[in-house]
Protein backbone atom coordinates (compact mmCIF):
# COMPACT_ATOMS: atom_id res chain seq x y z
CA UNK A 1 0.00 0.00 0.00
CA UNK A 2 1.43 3.38 -0.93
CA UNK A 3 0.46 6.87 0.17
CA UNK A 4 1.47 10.16 -1.41
CA UNK A 5 1.81 13.31 0.69
CA UNK A 6 1.26 16.58 -1.14
CA UNK A 7 0.49 20.10 0.01
CA UNK A 8 -2.99 21.27 -0.74
CA UNK A 9 -3.39 23.25 -3.94
CA UNK A 10 -4.30 26.49 -2.11
CA UNK A 11 -1.25 26.15 0.16
CA UNK A 12 1.06 25.61 -2.81
CA UNK A 13 -0.43 28.58 -4.70
CA UNK A 14 -0.09 30.73 -1.59
CA UNK A 15 3.55 29.65 -1.31
CA UNK A 16 4.10 30.70 -4.92
CA UNK A 17 2.55 34.13 -4.28
CA UNK A 18 4.64 34.61 -1.14
CA UNK A 19 7.72 33.62 -3.12
CA UNK A 20 6.87 36.13 -5.84
CA UNK A 21 6.51 38.81 -3.17
CA UNK A 22 9.89 37.83 -1.73
CA UNK A 23 11.41 38.14 -5.20
CA UNK A 24 10.04 41.67 -5.64
CA UNK A 25 11.21 42.59 -2.12
CA UNK A 26 14.69 41.22 -2.77
CA UNK A 27 15.12 43.01 -6.07
CA UNK A 28 13.91 46.36 -4.75
CA UNK A 29 15.70 46.19 -1.38
CA UNK A 30 19.06 44.69 -2.28
CA UNK A 31 19.49 46.42 -5.63
CA UNK A 32 20.64 49.72 -4.16
CA UNK A 33 22.58 48.87 -1.02
CA UNK A 34 23.16 45.12 -1.07
CA UNK A 35 25.90 43.08 -2.56
CA UNK A 36 25.36 41.68 -6.04
CA UNK A 37 26.27 38.04 -5.20
CA UNK A 38 23.71 37.99 -2.38
CA UNK A 39 21.05 39.44 -4.70
CA UNK A 40 21.74 36.73 -7.28
CA UNK A 41 21.63 34.02 -4.59
CA UNK A 42 18.38 35.44 -3.17
CA UNK A 43 16.71 35.57 -6.57
CA UNK A 44 17.77 32.04 -7.54
CA UNK A 45 16.56 30.64 -4.23
CA UNK A 46 13.19 32.39 -4.43
CA UNK A 47 12.66 31.37 -8.07
CA UNK A 48 13.30 27.75 -7.03
CA UNK A 49 10.70 28.09 -4.25
CA UNK A 50 8.12 29.54 -6.66
CA UNK A 51 8.74 26.86 -9.30
CA UNK A 52 8.51 24.07 -6.72
CA UNK A 53 5.24 25.42 -5.33
CA UNK A 54 3.70 25.84 -8.79
CA UNK A 55 4.79 22.30 -9.70
CA UNK A 56 3.20 21.00 -6.50
CA UNK A 57 -0.01 22.92 -7.19
CA UNK A 58 -0.61 22.03 -10.82
CA UNK A 59 1.12 18.71 -11.46
CA UNK A 60 -0.61 15.41 -10.84
CA UNK A 61 2.71 14.06 -9.53
CA UNK A 62 3.55 17.22 -7.60
CA UNK A 63 4.84 15.72 -4.42
CA UNK A 64 7.98 16.29 -2.46
CA UNK A 65 7.66 13.14 -0.38
CA UNK A 66 5.96 9.79 -0.47
CA UNK A 67 5.13 7.46 2.36
CA UNK A 68 5.10 3.72 1.87
CA UNK A 69 3.32 1.27 4.09
CA UNK A 70 4.27 -2.39 3.93
CA UNK A 71 2.86 -5.32 5.79
CA UNK A 72 5.08 -7.16 8.28
CA UNK A 73 5.09 -10.29 6.10
CA UNK A 74 6.51 -8.36 3.14
CA UNK A 75 9.58 -7.10 5.00
CA UNK A 76 12.66 -9.34 4.68
CA UNK A 77 13.99 -10.46 8.06
CA UNK A 78 17.66 -10.19 9.07
CA UNK A 79 19.27 -13.29 10.48
PDB file of N, CA and C in Angstrom:
ATOM      1  N   UNK A   1       0.845  -1.164   0.000  1.00  0.00           N
ATOM      2  CA  UNK A   1       0.000   0.000   0.000  1.00  0.00           C
ATOM      3  C   UNK A   1       0.897   1.235   0.000  1.00  0.00           C
ATOM      4  N   UNK A   2       0.590   2.195  -0.803  1.00  0.00           N
ATOM      5  CA  UNK A   2       1.429   3.382  -0.929  1.00  0.00           C
ATOM      6  C   UNK A   2       0.579   4.631  -0.754  1.00  0.00           C
ATOM      7  N   UNK A   3       1.127   5.594  -0.046  1.00  0.00           N
ATOM      8  CA  UNK A   3       0.457   6.870   0.175  1.00  0.00           C
ATOM      9  C   UNK A   3       1.335   7.982  -0.366  1.00  0.00           C
ATOM     10  N   UNK A   4       0.725   9.008  -0.911  1.00  0.00           N
ATOM     11  CA  UNK A   4       1.466  10.164  -1.405  1.00  0.00           C
ATOM     12  C   UNK A   4       1.067  11.377  -0.581  1.00  0.00           C
ATOM     13  N   UNK A   5       2.047  12.115  -0.112  1.00  0.00           N
ATOM     14  CA  UNK A   5       1.807  13.309   0.691  1.00  0.00           C
ATOM     15  C   UNK A   5       2.074  14.526  -0.181  1.00  0.00           C
ATOM     16  N   UNK A   6       1.085  15.361  -0.352  1.00  0.00           N
ATOM     17  CA  UNK A   6       1.256  16.580  -1.136  1.00  0.00           C
ATOM     18  C   UNK A   6       0.637  17.749  -0.388  1.00  0.00           C
ATOM     19  N   UNK A   7       1.169  18.932  -0.578  1.00  0.00           N
ATOM     20  CA  UNK A   7       0.495  20.096   0.007  1.00  0.00           C
ATOM     21  C   UNK A   7      -0.806  20.343  -0.734  1.00  0.00           C
ATOM     22  N   UNK A   8      -1.737  20.961  -0.063  1.00  0.00           N
ATOM     23  CA  UNK A   8      -2.989  21.271  -0.741  1.00  0.00           C
ATOM     24  C   UNK A   8      -2.723  22.300  -1.833  1.00  0.00           C
ATOM     25  N   UNK A   9      -3.575  22.312  -2.837  1.00  0.00           N
ATOM     26  CA  UNK A   9      -3.391  23.250  -3.939  1.00  0.00           C
ATOM     27  C   UNK A   9      -3.396  24.700  -3.464  1.00  0.00           C
ATOM     28  N   UNK A  10      -4.343  25.101  -2.583  1.00  0.00           N
ATOM     29  CA  UNK A  10      -4.303  26.491  -2.108  1.00  0.00           C
ATOM     30  C   UNK A  10      -3.012  26.827  -1.354  1.00  0.00           C
ATOM     31  N   UNK A  11      -2.495  25.885  -0.573  1.00  0.00           N
ATOM     32  CA  UNK A  11      -1.253  26.147   0.159  1.00  0.00           C
ATOM     33  C   UNK A  11      -0.075  26.309  -0.791  1.00  0.00           C
ATOM     34  N   UNK A  12      -0.035  25.502  -1.841  1.00  0.00           N
ATOM     35  CA  UNK A  12       1.056  25.611  -2.812  1.00  0.00           C
ATOM     36  C   UNK A  12       0.957  26.919  -3.601  1.00  0.00           C
ATOM     37  N   UNK A  13      -0.255  27.311  -3.981  1.00  0.00           N
ATOM     38  CA  UNK A  13      -0.427  28.577  -4.700  1.00  0.00           C
ATOM     39  C   UNK A  13      -0.059  29.747  -3.799  1.00  0.00           C
ATOM     40  N   UNK A  14      -0.468  29.687  -2.539  1.00  0.00           N
ATOM     41  CA  UNK A  14      -0.085  30.731  -1.586  1.00  0.00           C
ATOM     42  C   UNK A  14       1.431  30.812  -1.447  1.00  0.00           C
ATOM     43  N   UNK A  15       2.087  29.667  -1.381  1.00  0.00           N
ATOM     44  CA  UNK A  15       3.546  29.649  -1.311  1.00  0.00           C
ATOM     45  C   UNK A  15       4.183  30.290  -2.533  1.00  0.00           C
ATOM     46  N   UNK A  16       3.580  30.075  -3.706  1.00  0.00           N
ATOM     47  CA  UNK A  16       4.103  30.698  -4.925  1.00  0.00           C
ATOM     48  C   UNK A  16       3.923  32.213  -4.879  1.00  0.00           C
ATOM     49  N   UNK A  17       2.766  32.679  -4.394  1.00  0.00           N
ATOM     50  CA  UNK A  17       2.547  34.130  -4.284  1.00  0.00           C
ATOM     51  C   UNK A  17       3.493  34.759  -3.265  1.00  0.00           C
ATOM     52  N   UNK A  18       3.703  34.087  -2.148  1.00  0.00           N
ATOM     53  CA  UNK A  18       4.644  34.607  -1.140  1.00  0.00           C
ATOM     54  C   UNK A  18       6.051  34.659  -1.730  1.00  0.00           C
ATOM     55  N   UNK A  19       6.416  33.626  -2.470  1.00  0.00           N
ATOM     56  CA  UNK A  19       7.723  33.620  -3.122  1.00  0.00           C
ATOM     57  C   UNK A  19       7.872  34.749  -4.126  1.00  0.00           C
ATOM     58  N   UNK A  20       6.819  35.010  -4.892  1.00  0.00           N
ATOM     59  CA  UNK A  20       6.873  36.127  -5.841  1.00  0.00           C
ATOM     60  C   UNK A  20       7.038  37.457  -5.104  1.00  0.00           C
ATOM     61  N   UNK A  21       6.352  37.601  -3.984  1.00  0.00           N
ATOM     62  CA  UNK A  21       6.514  38.811  -3.174  1.00  0.00           C
ATOM     63  C   UNK A  21       7.925  38.941  -2.631  1.00  0.00           C
ATOM     64  N   UNK A  22       8.510  37.815  -2.217  1.00  0.00           N
ATOM     65  CA  UNK A  22       9.889  37.833  -1.735  1.00  0.00           C
ATOM     66  C   UNK A  22      10.853  38.227  -2.841  1.00  0.00           C
ATOM     67  N   UNK A  23      10.559  37.790  -4.063  1.00  0.00           N
ATOM     68  CA  UNK A  23      11.409  38.144  -5.197  1.00  0.00           C
ATOM     69  C   UNK A  23      11.365  39.646  -5.455  1.00  0.00           C
ATOM     70  N   UNK A  24      10.177  40.220  -5.449  1.00  0.00           N
ATOM     71  CA  UNK A  24      10.042  41.672  -5.636  1.00  0.00           C
ATOM     72  C   UNK A  24      10.740  42.420  -4.503  1.00  0.00           C
ATOM     73  N   UNK A  25      10.543  41.958  -3.269  1.00  0.00           N
ATOM     74  CA  UNK A  25      11.206  42.585  -2.123  1.00  0.00           C
ATOM     75  C   UNK A  25      12.719  42.527  -2.265  1.00  0.00           C
ATOM     76  N   UNK A  26      13.241  41.372  -2.639  1.00  0.00           N
ATOM     77  CA  UNK A  26      14.691  41.220  -2.769  1.00  0.00           C
ATOM     78  C   UNK A  26      15.273  42.116  -3.838  1.00  0.00           C
ATOM     79  N   UNK A  27      14.603  42.173  -4.973  1.00  0.00           N
ATOM     80  CA  UNK A  27      15.121  43.007  -6.071  1.00  0.00           C
ATOM     81  C   UNK A  27      15.091  44.480  -5.705  1.00  0.00           C
ATOM     82  N   UNK A  28      14.006  44.939  -5.078  1.00  0.00           N
ATOM     83  CA  UNK A  28      13.910  46.364  -4.746  1.00  0.00           C
ATOM     84  C   UNK A  28      14.780  46.749  -3.554  1.00  0.00           C
ATOM     85  N   UNK A  29      14.939  45.863  -2.593  1.00  0.00           N
ATOM     86  CA  UNK A  29      15.696  46.195  -1.382  1.00  0.00           C
ATOM     87  C   UNK A  29      17.199  46.047  -1.557  1.00  0.00           C
ATOM     88  N   UNK A  30      17.625  44.967  -2.199  1.00  0.00           N
ATOM     89  CA  UNK A  30      19.057  44.690  -2.282  1.00  0.00           C
ATOM     90  C   UNK A  30      19.716  45.303  -3.506  1.00  0.00           C
ATOM     91  N   UNK A  31      18.933  45.841  -4.406  1.00  0.00           N
ATOM     92  CA  UNK A  31      19.489  46.416  -5.631  1.00  0.00           C
ATOM     93  C   UNK A  31      20.368  47.621  -5.330  1.00  0.00           C
ATOM     94  N   UNK A  32      19.915  48.472  -4.416  1.00  0.00           N
ATOM     95  CA  UNK A  32      20.637  49.719  -4.163  1.00  0.00           C
ATOM     96  C   UNK A  32      21.803  49.551  -3.195  1.00  0.00           C
ATOM     97  N   UNK A  33      21.549  48.902  -2.041  1.00  0.00           N
ATOM     98  CA  UNK A  33      22.581  48.868  -1.020  1.00  0.00           C
ATOM     99  C   UNK A  33      23.216  47.513  -0.777  1.00  0.00           C
ATOM    100  N   UNK A  34      22.657  46.465  -1.343  1.00  0.00           N
ATOM    101  CA  UNK A  34      23.163  45.122  -1.070  1.00  0.00           C
ATOM    102  C   UNK A  34      24.255  44.701  -2.020  1.00  0.00           C
ATOM    103  N   UNK A  35      24.842  43.594  -1.692  1.00  0.00           N
ATOM    104  CA  UNK A  35      25.899  43.081  -2.562  1.00  0.00           C
ATOM    105  C   UNK A  35      25.277  42.283  -3.707  1.00  0.00           C
ATOM    106  N   UNK A  36      25.888  42.345  -4.853  1.00  0.00           N
ATOM    107  CA  UNK A  36      25.358  41.677  -6.043  1.00  0.00           C
ATOM    108  C   UNK A  36      25.332  40.151  -5.901  1.00  0.00           C
ATOM    109  N   UNK A  37      26.348  39.506  -5.348  1.00  0.00           N
ATOM    110  CA  UNK A  37      26.275  38.040  -5.196  1.00  0.00           C
ATOM    111  C   UNK A  37      25.110  37.595  -4.299  1.00  0.00           C
ATOM    112  N   UNK A  38      24.832  38.348  -3.241  1.00  0.00           N
ATOM    113  CA  UNK A  38      23.710  37.986  -2.381  1.00  0.00           C
ATOM    114  C   UNK A  38      22.391  38.169  -3.116  1.00  0.00           C
ATOM    115  N   UNK A  39      22.268  39.212  -3.925  1.00  0.00           N
ATOM    116  CA  UNK A  39      21.048  39.436  -4.700  1.00  0.00           C
ATOM    117  C   UNK A  39      20.814  38.284  -5.679  1.00  0.00           C
ATOM    118  N   UNK A  40      21.860  37.843  -6.350  1.00  0.00           N
ATOM    119  CA  UNK A  40      21.744  36.726  -7.284  1.00  0.00           C
ATOM    120  C   UNK A  40      21.338  35.462  -6.538  1.00  0.00           C
ATOM    121  N   UNK A  41      21.974  35.187  -5.404  1.00  0.00           N
ATOM    122  CA  UNK A  41      21.635  34.017  -4.591  1.00  0.00           C
ATOM    123  C   UNK A  41      20.185  34.089  -4.137  1.00  0.00           C
ATOM    124  N   UNK A  42      19.757  35.230  -3.642  1.00  0.00           N
ATOM    125  CA  UNK A  42      18.380  35.436  -3.165  1.00  0.00           C
ATOM    126  C   UNK A  42      17.384  35.150  -4.297  1.00  0.00           C
ATOM    127  N   UNK A  43      17.637  35.734  -5.455  1.00  0.00           N
ATOM    128  CA  UNK A  43      16.712  35.569  -6.574  1.00  0.00           C
ATOM    129  C   UNK A  43      16.648  34.117  -7.043  1.00  0.00           C
ATOM    130  N   UNK A  44      17.774  33.444  -7.130  1.00  0.00           N
ATOM    131  CA  UNK A  44      17.774  32.040  -7.541  1.00  0.00           C
ATOM    132  C   UNK A  44      17.020  31.163  -6.544  1.00  0.00           C
ATOM    133  N   UNK A  45      17.232  31.410  -5.268  1.00  0.00           N
ATOM    134  CA  UNK A  45      16.555  30.635  -4.234  1.00  0.00           C
ATOM    135  C   UNK A  45      15.046  30.852  -4.274  1.00  0.00           C
ATOM    136  N   UNK A  46      14.628  32.085  -4.412  1.00  0.00           N
ATOM    137  CA  UNK A  46      13.192  32.389  -4.430  1.00  0.00           C
ATOM    138  C   UNK A  46      12.540  31.861  -5.704  1.00  0.00           C
ATOM    139  N   UNK A  47      13.214  31.937  -6.834  1.00  0.00           N
ATOM    140  CA  UNK A  47      12.665  31.373  -8.071  1.00  0.00           C
ATOM    141  C   UNK A  47      12.490  29.860  -7.910  1.00  0.00           C
ATOM    142  N   UNK A  48      13.430  29.192  -7.280  1.00  0.00           N
ATOM    143  CA  UNK A  48      13.301  27.751  -7.034  1.00  0.00           C
ATOM    144  C   UNK A  48      12.092  27.456  -6.141  1.00  0.00           C
ATOM    145  N   UNK A  49      11.856  28.272  -5.134  1.00  0.00           N
ATOM    146  CA  UNK A  49      10.696  28.093  -4.251  1.00  0.00           C
ATOM    147  C   UNK A  49       9.402  28.267  -5.034  1.00  0.00           C
ATOM    148  N   UNK A  50       9.333  29.282  -5.870  1.00  0.00           N
ATOM    149  CA  UNK A  50       8.116  29.545  -6.660  1.00  0.00           C
ATOM    150  C   UNK A  50       7.861  28.392  -7.627  1.00  0.00           C
ATOM    151  N   UNK A  51       8.894  27.957  -8.329  1.00  0.00           N
ATOM    152  CA  UNK A  51       8.739  26.864  -9.295  1.00  0.00           C
ATOM    153  C   UNK A  51       8.292  25.589  -8.596  1.00  0.00           C
ATOM    154  N   UNK A  52       8.889  25.267  -7.466  1.00  0.00           N
ATOM    155  CA  UNK A  52       8.514  24.067  -6.725  1.00  0.00           C
ATOM    156  C   UNK A  52       7.056  24.131  -6.274  1.00  0.00           C
ATOM    157  N   UNK A  53       6.620  25.281  -5.774  1.00  0.00           N
ATOM    158  CA  UNK A  53       5.237  25.419  -5.335  1.00  0.00           C
ATOM    159  C   UNK A  53       4.260  25.330  -6.502  1.00  0.00           C
ATOM    160  N   UNK A  54       4.579  25.935  -7.621  1.00  0.00           N
ATOM    161  CA  UNK A  54       3.701  25.837  -8.788  1.00  0.00           C
ATOM    162  C   UNK A  54       3.643  24.410  -9.310  1.00  0.00           C
ATOM    163  N   UNK A  55       4.762  23.715  -9.300  1.00  0.00           N
ATOM    164  CA  UNK A  55       4.788  22.305  -9.697  1.00  0.00           C
ATOM    165  C   UNK A  55       3.923  21.471  -8.765  1.00  0.00           C
ATOM    166  N   UNK A  56       4.021  21.729  -7.469  1.00  0.00           N
ATOM    167  CA  UNK A  56       3.204  21.000  -6.502  1.00  0.00           C
ATOM    168  C   UNK A  56       1.722  21.307  -6.673  1.00  0.00           C
ATOM    169  N   UNK A  57       1.391  22.522  -7.072  1.00  0.00           N
ATOM    170  CA  UNK A  57      -0.010  22.921  -7.192  1.00  0.00           C
ATOM    171  C   UNK A  57      -0.669  22.365  -8.446  1.00  0.00           C
ATOM    172  N   UNK A  58       0.042  22.326  -9.552  1.00  0.00           N
ATOM    173  CA  UNK A  58      -0.614  22.034 -10.824  1.00  0.00           C
ATOM    174  C   UNK A  58      -0.198  20.724 -11.481  1.00  0.00           C
ATOM    175  N   UNK A  59       0.704  19.980 -10.901  1.00  0.00           N
ATOM    176  CA  UNK A  59       1.120  18.707 -11.464  1.00  0.00           C
ATOM    177  C   UNK A  59       0.401  17.571 -10.744  1.00  0.00           C
ATOM    178  N   UNK A  60       0.041  16.550 -11.483  1.00  0.00           N
ATOM    179  CA  UNK A  60      -0.606  15.406 -10.842  1.00  0.00           C
ATOM    180  C   UNK A  60       0.395  14.620  -9.990  1.00  0.00           C
ATOM    181  N   UNK A  61       1.664  14.733 -10.312  1.00  0.00           N
ATOM    182  CA  UNK A  61       2.710  14.064  -9.533  1.00  0.00           C
ATOM    183  C   UNK A  61       3.475  15.047  -8.661  1.00  0.00           C
ATOM    184  N   UNK A  62       2.887  16.171  -8.375  1.00  0.00           N
ATOM    185  CA  UNK A  62       3.552  17.215  -7.603  1.00  0.00           C
ATOM    186  C   UNK A  62       3.652  16.857  -6.136  1.00  0.00           C
ATOM    187  N   UNK A  63       4.652  16.135  -5.801  1.00  0.00           N
ATOM    188  CA  UNK A  63       4.839  15.715  -4.423  1.00  0.00           C
ATOM    189  C   UNK A  63       6.311  15.785  -4.072  1.00  0.00           C
ATOM    190  N   UNK A  64       6.593  16.235  -2.882  1.00  0.00           N
ATOM    191  CA  UNK A  64       7.981  16.290  -2.458  1.00  0.00           C
ATOM    192  C   UNK A  64       8.350  15.089  -1.611  1.00  0.00           C
ATOM    193  N   UNK A  65       7.385  14.300  -1.215  1.00  0.00           N
ATOM    194  CA  UNK A  65       7.655  13.138  -0.385  1.00  0.00           C
ATOM    195  C   UNK A  65       6.600  12.081  -0.642  1.00  0.00           C
ATOM    196  N   UNK A  66       6.952  10.856  -0.406  1.00  0.00           N
ATOM    197  CA  UNK A  66       5.963   9.787  -0.466  1.00  0.00           C
ATOM    198  C   UNK A  66       6.169   8.888   0.748  1.00  0.00           C
ATOM    199  N   UNK A  67       5.112   8.309   1.182  1.00  0.00           N
ATOM    200  CA  UNK A  67       5.127   7.465   2.360  1.00  0.00           C
ATOM    201  C   UNK A  67       4.666   6.085   1.943  1.00  0.00           C
ATOM    202  N   UNK A  68       5.466   5.088   2.221  1.00  0.00           N
ATOM    203  CA  UNK A  68       5.099   3.724   1.868  1.00  0.00           C
ATOM    204  C   UNK A  68       4.741   2.949   3.111  1.00  0.00           C
ATOM    205  N   UNK A  69       3.722   2.134   2.981  1.00  0.00           N
ATOM    206  CA  UNK A  69       3.324   1.265   4.087  1.00  0.00           C
ATOM    207  C   UNK A  69       3.412  -0.162   3.594  1.00  0.00           C
ATOM    208  N   UNK A  70       4.162  -0.980   4.293  1.00  0.00           N
ATOM    209  CA  UNK A  70       4.275  -2.389   3.927  1.00  0.00           C
ATOM    210  C   UNK A  70       3.790  -3.231   5.089  1.00  0.00           C
ATOM    211  N   UNK A  71       3.305  -4.384   4.759  1.00  0.00           N
ATOM    212  CA  UNK A  71       2.860  -5.324   5.791  1.00  0.00           C
ATOM    213  C   UNK A  71       4.086  -6.011   6.386  1.00  0.00           C
ATOM    214  N   UNK A  72       3.965  -6.502   7.601  1.00  0.00           N
ATOM    215  CA  UNK A  72       5.082  -7.160   8.278  1.00  0.00           C
ATOM    216  C   UNK A  72       5.578  -8.391   7.517  1.00  0.00           C
ATOM    217  N   UNK A  73       4.690  -9.088   6.831  1.00  0.00           N
ATOM    218  CA  UNK A  73       5.090 -10.291   6.098  1.00  0.00           C
ATOM    219  C   UNK A  73       5.915  -9.961   4.862  1.00  0.00           C
ATOM    220  N   UNK A  74       5.793  -8.753   4.346  1.00  0.00           N
ATOM    221  CA  UNK A  74       6.514  -8.356   3.145  1.00  0.00           C
ATOM    222  C   UNK A  74       7.950  -7.897   3.417  1.00  0.00           C
ATOM    223  N   UNK A  75       8.264  -7.624   4.661  1.00  0.00           N
ATOM    224  CA  UNK A  75       9.579  -7.097   5.003  1.00  0.00           C
ATOM    225  C   UNK A  75      10.544  -8.245   5.212  1.00  0.00           C
ATOM    226  N   UNK A  76      11.687  -8.275   4.485  1.00  0.00           N
ATOM    227  CA  UNK A  76      12.658  -9.341   4.683  1.00  0.00           C
ATOM    228  C   UNK A  76      13.265  -9.255   6.085  1.00  0.00           C
ATOM    229  N   UNK A  77      13.441 -10.373   6.702  1.00  0.00           N
ATOM    230  CA  UNK A  77      13.993 -10.457   8.057  1.00  0.00           C
ATOM    231  C   UNK A  77      15.492 -10.649   8.013  1.00  0.00           C
ATOM    232  N   UNK A  78      16.201  -9.989   8.924  1.00  0.00           N
ATOM    233  CA  UNK A  78      17.657 -10.194   9.068  1.00  0.00           C
ATOM    234  C   UNK A  78      17.894 -11.388   9.951  1.00  0.00           C
ATOM    235  N   UNK A  79      18.918 -12.127   9.643  1.00  0.00           N
ATOM    236  CA  UNK A  79      19.265 -13.289  10.479  1.00  0.00           C
ATOM    237  C   UNK A  79      20.580 -13.111  11.132  1.00  0.00           C
TER     238      UNK A  79
END
